[in-house]
Amino acid sequence: MSNNLERLIRIYNRLRRGPVTIEIISKWAEMADIKISTRQLYRDLNSLQHLKIAENENVVEFVDEKNRKTWKLEYDGISEVITEHDIDSFFLFNNFVPASIQHHRKESIEKFQKILYRSLSKNKYQQQPEAGELYLRKTNFYDSLYGGKST
């Protein structure tokens, strides 16, 4: 498989976990050891918008009030509505479970995220969880491991 096609598939699979901004996808690419420039990420995301990879799945781009682009997958045929309270509940669960539990149950949490995101993909809930997640990253909240051995 060519490097470009493999990279597109990996980015598409990342989109299946939830919406991304260019900052989020850049950090993910770095952590996944994908050597790619920001400009190429924009090109790849644009390519994914025009490709029909899976039936009933569409890569959609939207721009928020601060002119920040976000890409996400939308699934056809889903009409469930969520509230701000639902979003906050998911955010709290996802971000405040102890790091040791996150580490040991990473696969299960990611599976739950995919299921939740797939069933609610047409809702406009992306900005709220992202803002909290970025805040926690900037404050180094995740750097603390409780109950583990300190080095």
C-alpha atoms as a PDB file:
ATOM      1  CA  MET A   1       0.000   0.000   0.000  1.00  0.00           C
ATOM      2  CA  SER A   2       1.386   3.431  -0.848  1.00  0.00           C
ATOM      3  CA  ASN A   3       2.375   5.781   1.962  1.00  0.00           C
ATOM      4  CA  ASN A   4      -0.220   8.373   0.882  1.00  0.00           C
ATOM      5  CA  LEU A   5      -3.081   5.882   0.854  1.00  0.00           C
ATOM      6  CA  GLU A   6      -2.021   4.409   4.181  1.00  0.00           C
ATOM      7  CA  ARG A   7      -1.841   7.906   5.706  1.00  0.00           C
ATOM      8  CA  LEU A   8      -5.318   8.791   4.369  1.00  0.00           C
ATOM      9  CA  ILE A   9      -6.753   5.605   5.855  1.00  0.00           C
ATOM     10  CA  ARG A  10      -5.135   6.320   9.234  1.00  0.00           C
ATOM     11  CA  ILE A  11      -6.496   9.887   9.233  1.00  0.00           C
ATOM     12  CA  TYR A  12      -9.938   8.580   8.252  1.00  0.00           C
ATOM     13  CA  ASN A  13      -9.835   6.068  11.102  1.00  0.00           C
ATOM     14  CA  ARG A  14      -8.902   8.906  13.485  1.00  0.00           C
ATOM     15  CA  LEU A  15     -11.971  10.814  12.272  1.00  0.00           C
ATOM     16  CA  ARG A  16     -14.069   7.820  13.294  1.00  0.00           C
ATOM     17  CA  ARG A  17     -13.131   8.563  16.933  1.00  0.00           C
ATOM     18  CA  GLY A  18     -14.476  12.117  16.810  1.00  0.00           C
ATOM     19  CA  PRO A  19     -14.181  15.583  15.286  1.00  0.00           C
ATOM     20  CA  VAL A  20     -10.741  17.158  14.854  1.00  0.00           C
ATOM     21  CA  THR A  21      -9.221  20.578  14.378  1.00  0.00           C
ATOM     22  CA  ILE A  22      -5.875  20.965  12.660  1.00  0.00           C
ATOM     23  CA  GLU A  23      -4.225  21.254  16.099  1.00  0.00           C
ATOM     24  CA  ILE A  24      -5.781  18.013  17.322  1.00  0.00           C
ATOM     25  CA  ILE A  25      -4.945  16.054  14.163  1.00  0.00           C
ATOM     26  CA  SER A  26      -1.374  17.430  14.167  1.00  0.00           C
ATOM     27  CA  LYS A  27      -0.809  16.291  17.766  1.00  0.00           C
ATOM     28  CA  TRP A  28      -2.339  12.921  16.937  1.00  0.00           C
ATOM     29  CA  ALA A  29      -0.076  12.522  13.877  1.00  0.00           C
ATOM     30  CA  GLU A  30       2.961  13.367  15.968  1.00  0.00           C
ATOM     31  CA  MET A  31       1.964  10.850  18.664  1.00  0.00           C
ATOM     32  CA  ALA A  32       1.217   8.219  15.990  1.00  0.00           C
ATOM     33  CA  ASP A  33       4.683   8.824  14.489  1.00  0.00           C
ATOM     34  CA  ILE A  34       3.292  10.076  11.180  1.00  0.00           C
ATOM     35  CA  LYS A  35       5.773  12.517   9.632  1.00  0.00           C
ATOM     36  CA  ILE A  36       3.523  15.071   7.942  1.00  0.00           C
ATOM     37  CA  SER A  37       3.359  18.844   7.590  1.00  0.00           C
ATOM     38  CA  THR A  38       0.344  20.886   8.574  1.00  0.00           C
ATOM     39  CA  ARG A  39      -0.146  21.894   4.960  1.00  0.00           C
ATOM     40  CA  GLN A  40      -0.256  18.218   3.895  1.00  0.00           C
ATOM     41  CA  LEU A  41      -2.800  17.503   6.646  1.00  0.00           C
ATOM     42  CA  TYR A  42      -5.047  20.184   5.166  1.00  0.00           C
ATOM     43  CA  ARG A  43      -4.650  18.565   1.715  1.00  0.00           C
ATOM     44  CA  ASP A  44      -5.385  15.101   3.084  1.00  0.00           C
ATOM     45  CA  LEU A  45      -8.489  16.260   4.961  1.00  0.00           C
ATOM     46  CA  ASN A  46      -9.692  18.025   1.825  1.00  0.00           C
ATOM     47  CA  SER A  47      -9.109  14.839  -0.202  1.00  0.00           C
ATOM     48  CA  LEU A  48     -11.077  12.806   2.332  1.00  0.00           C
ATOM     49  CA  GLN A  49     -14.029  15.188   1.932  1.00  0.00           C
ATOM     50  CA  HIS A  50     -14.233  14.349  -1.770  1.00  0.00           C
ATOM     51  CA  LEU A  51     -13.618  10.608  -1.484  1.00  0.00           C
ATOM     52  CA  LYS A  52     -16.439   8.223  -0.695  1.00  0.00           C
ATOM     53  CA  ILE A  53     -14.624   5.688   1.473  1.00  0.00           C
ATOM     54  CA  ALA A  54     -17.548   4.051   3.218  1.00  0.00           C
ATOM     55  CA  GLU A  55     -21.254   3.970   2.496  1.00  0.00           C
ATOM     56  CA  ASN A  56     -23.349   6.343   4.653  1.00  0.00           C
ATOM     57  CA  GLU A  57     -20.205   8.100   5.963  1.00  0.00           C
ATOM     58  CA  ASN A  58     -19.204  11.590   4.852  1.00  0.00           C
ATOM     59  CA  VAL A  59     -16.255  13.736   5.907  1.00  0.00           C
ATOM     60  CA  VAL A  60     -17.635  17.199   6.621  1.00  0.00           C
ATOM     61  CA  GLU A  61     -15.779  20.436   7.301  1.00  0.00           C
ATOM     62  CA  PHE A  62     -17.289  23.386   9.105  1.00  0.00           C
ATOM     63  CA  VAL A  63     -15.980  26.709  10.342  1.00  0.00           C
ATOM     64  CA  ASP A  64     -16.954  28.025  13.776  1.00  0.00           C
ATOM     65  CA  GLU A  65     -17.462  31.639  14.829  1.00  0.00           C
ATOM     66  CA  LYS A  66     -13.713  32.054  15.467  1.00  0.00           C
ATOM     67  CA  ASN A  67     -12.925  30.940  11.896  1.00  0.00           C
ATOM     68  CA  ARG A  68     -11.510  27.632  13.145  1.00  0.00           C
ATOM     69  CA  LYS A  69     -12.008  24.665  10.834  1.00  0.00           C
ATOM     70  CA  THR A  70     -13.208  21.351  12.218  1.00  0.00           C
ATOM     71  CA  TRP A  71     -13.546  18.080  10.319  1.00  0.00           C
ATOM     72  CA  LYS A  72     -15.774  15.223  11.325  1.00  0.00           C
ATOM     73  CA  LEU A  73     -17.558  12.181   9.999  1.00  0.00           C
ATOM     74  CA  GLU A  74     -21.289  12.390   9.582  1.00  0.00           C
ATOM     75  CA  TYR A  75     -23.303   9.212   9.368  1.00  0.00           C
ATOM     76  CA  ASP A  76     -26.510   9.161   7.338  1.00  0.00           C
ATOM     77  CA  GLY A  77     -29.772   8.093   8.939  1.00  0.00           C
ATOM     78  CA  ILE A  78     -29.042   9.141  12.538  1.00  0.00           C
ATOM     79  CA  SER A  79     -31.463  11.600  14.165  1.00  0.00           C
ATOM     80  CA  GLU A  80     -30.808  11.343  17.921  1.00  0.00           C
ATOM     81  CA  VAL A  81     -30.636  14.687  19.738  1.00  0.00           C
ATOM     82  CA  ILE A  82     -28.272  15.367  22.625  1.00  0.00           C
ATOM     83  CA  THR A  83     -28.284  18.142  25.176  1.00  0.00           C
ATOM     84  CA  GLU A  84     -25.527  20.207  26.754  1.00  0.00           C
ATOM     85  CA  HIS A  85     -25.924  18.107  29.903  1.00  0.00           C
ATOM     86  CA  ASP A  86     -25.244  14.935  27.884  1.00  0.00           C
ATOM     87  CA  ILE A  87     -22.108  16.509  26.426  1.00  0.00           C
ATOM     88  CA  ASP A  88     -20.862  17.558  29.863  1.00  0.00           C
ATOM     89  CA  SER A  89     -21.475  14.067  31.241  1.00  0.00           C
ATOM     90  CA  PHE A  90     -19.446  12.450  28.485  1.00  0.00           C
ATOM     91  CA  PHE A  91     -16.696  15.048  28.869  1.00  0.00           C
ATOM     92  CA  LEU A  92     -16.468  14.456  32.615  1.00  0.00           C
ATOM     93  CA  PHE A  93     -16.318  10.704  32.185  1.00  0.00           C
ATOM     94  CA  ASN A  94     -13.750  10.891  29.403  1.00  0.00           C
ATOM     95  CA  ASN A  95     -11.432  13.376  31.074  1.00  0.00           C
ATOM     96  CA  PHE A  96     -11.681  12.805  34.806  1.00  0.00           C
ATOM     97  CA  VAL A  97     -11.438   9.068  35.109  1.00  0.00           C
ATOM     98  CA  PRO A  98      -8.083   8.363  36.815  1.00  0.00           C
ATOM     99  CA  ALA A  99      -5.149   8.010  34.410  1.00  0.00           C
ATOM    100  CA  SER A 100      -4.382   4.480  35.601  1.00  0.00           C
ATOM    101  CA  ILE A 101      -7.887   3.388  34.585  1.00  0.00           C
ATOM    102  CA  GLN A 102      -7.596   5.238  31.268  1.00  0.00           C
ATOM    103  CA  HIS A 103      -4.344   3.431  30.553  1.00  0.00           C
ATOM    104  CA  HIS A 104      -5.665  -0.053  31.354  1.00  0.00           C
ATOM    105  CA  ARG A 105      -9.018   0.415  29.636  1.00  0.00           C
ATOM    106  CA  LYS A 106      -7.936   2.517  26.658  1.00  0.00           C
ATOM    107  CA  GLU A 107      -9.406   0.129  24.064  1.00  0.00           C
ATOM    108  CA  SER A 108     -12.786   0.030  25.812  1.00  0.00           C
ATOM    109  CA  ILE A 109     -12.966   3.803  26.201  1.00  0.00           C
ATOM    110  CA  GLU A 110     -12.054   4.325  22.538  1.00  0.00           C
ATOM    111  CA  LYS A 111     -14.686   1.772  21.501  1.00  0.00           C
ATOM    112  CA  PHE A 112     -17.287   3.644  23.555  1.00  0.00           C
ATOM    113  CA  GLN A 113     -16.221   6.951  21.964  1.00  0.00           C
ATOM    114  CA  LYS A 114     -16.652   5.494  18.472  1.00  0.00           C
ATOM    115  CA  ILE A 115     -20.120   4.147  19.274  1.00  0.00           C
ATOM    116  CA  LEU A 116     -21.238   7.409  20.852  1.00  0.00           C
ATOM    117  CA  TYR A 117     -19.785   9.534  18.073  1.00  0.00           C
ATOM    118  CA  ARG A 118     -21.252   7.374  15.320  1.00  0.00           C
ATOM    119  CA  SER A 119     -24.755   7.508  16.765  1.00  0.00           C
ATOM    120  CA  LEU A 120     -24.609  11.275  17.361  1.00  0.00           C
ATOM    121  CA  SER A 121     -22.488  12.474  14.423  1.00  0.00           C
ATOM    122  CA  LYS A 122     -25.024  14.924  12.969  1.00  0.00           C
ATOM    123  CA  ASN A 123     -25.333  16.925  16.194  1.00  0.00           C
ATOM    124  CA  LYS A 124     -23.349  20.142  16.496  1.00  0.00           C
ATOM    125  CA  TYR A 125     -21.626  19.279  19.768  1.00  0.00           C
ATOM    126  CA  GLN A 126     -17.972  19.402  18.696  1.00  0.00           C
ATOM    127  CA  GLN A 127     -16.824  22.743  20.121  1.00  0.00           C
ATOM    128  CA  GLN A 128     -17.747  22.175  23.760  1.00  0.00           C
ATOM    129  CA  PRO A 129     -15.808  18.951  24.506  1.00  0.00           C
ATOM    130  CA  GLU A 130     -12.810  20.147  22.461  1.00  0.00           C
ATOM    131  CA  ALA A 131     -12.519  23.359  24.446  1.00  0.00           C
ATOM    132  CA  GLY A 132     -12.363  21.498  27.737  1.00  0.00           C
ATOM    133  CA  GLU A 133      -9.948  18.914  26.401  1.00  0.00           C
ATOM    134  CA  LEU A 134      -7.569  21.581  25.074  1.00  0.00           C
ATOM    135  CA  TYR A 135      -7.741  23.430  28.399  1.00  0.00           C
ATOM    136  CA  LEU A 136      -6.796  20.284  30.309  1.00  0.00           C
ATOM    137  CA  ARG A 137      -3.858  19.650  27.970  1.00  0.00           C
ATOM    138  CA  LYS A 138      -2.557  23.206  28.359  1.00  0.00           C
ATOM    139  CA  THR A 139      -2.697  22.982  32.159  1.00  0.00           C
ATOM    140  CA  ASN A 140      -0.793  19.645  32.102  1.00  0.00           C
ATOM    141  CA  PHE A 141      -3.664  17.974  33.942  1.00  0.00           C
ATOM    142  CA  TYR A 142      -2.860  14.621  32.342  1.00  0.00           C
ATOM    143  CA  ASP A 143       0.756  14.649  33.539  1.00  0.00           C
ATOM    144  CA  SER A 144      -0.271  13.537  37.015  1.00  0.00           C
ATOM    145  CA  LEU A 145      -0.670   9.843  37.664  1.00  0.00           C
ATOM    146  CA  TYR A 146      -2.266   9.072  40.977  1.00  0.00           C
ATOM    147  CA  GLY A 147      -1.575   5.819  42.708  1.00  0.00           C
ATOM    148  CA  GLY A 148       1.384   4.967  40.476  1.00  0.00           C
ATOM    149  CA  LYS A 149       5.038   4.951  41.349  1.00  0.00           C
ATOM    150  CA  SER A 150       6.651   8.357  41.146  1.00  0.00           C
ATOM    151  CA  THR A 151       9.967   8.644  39.371  1.00  0.00           C
END
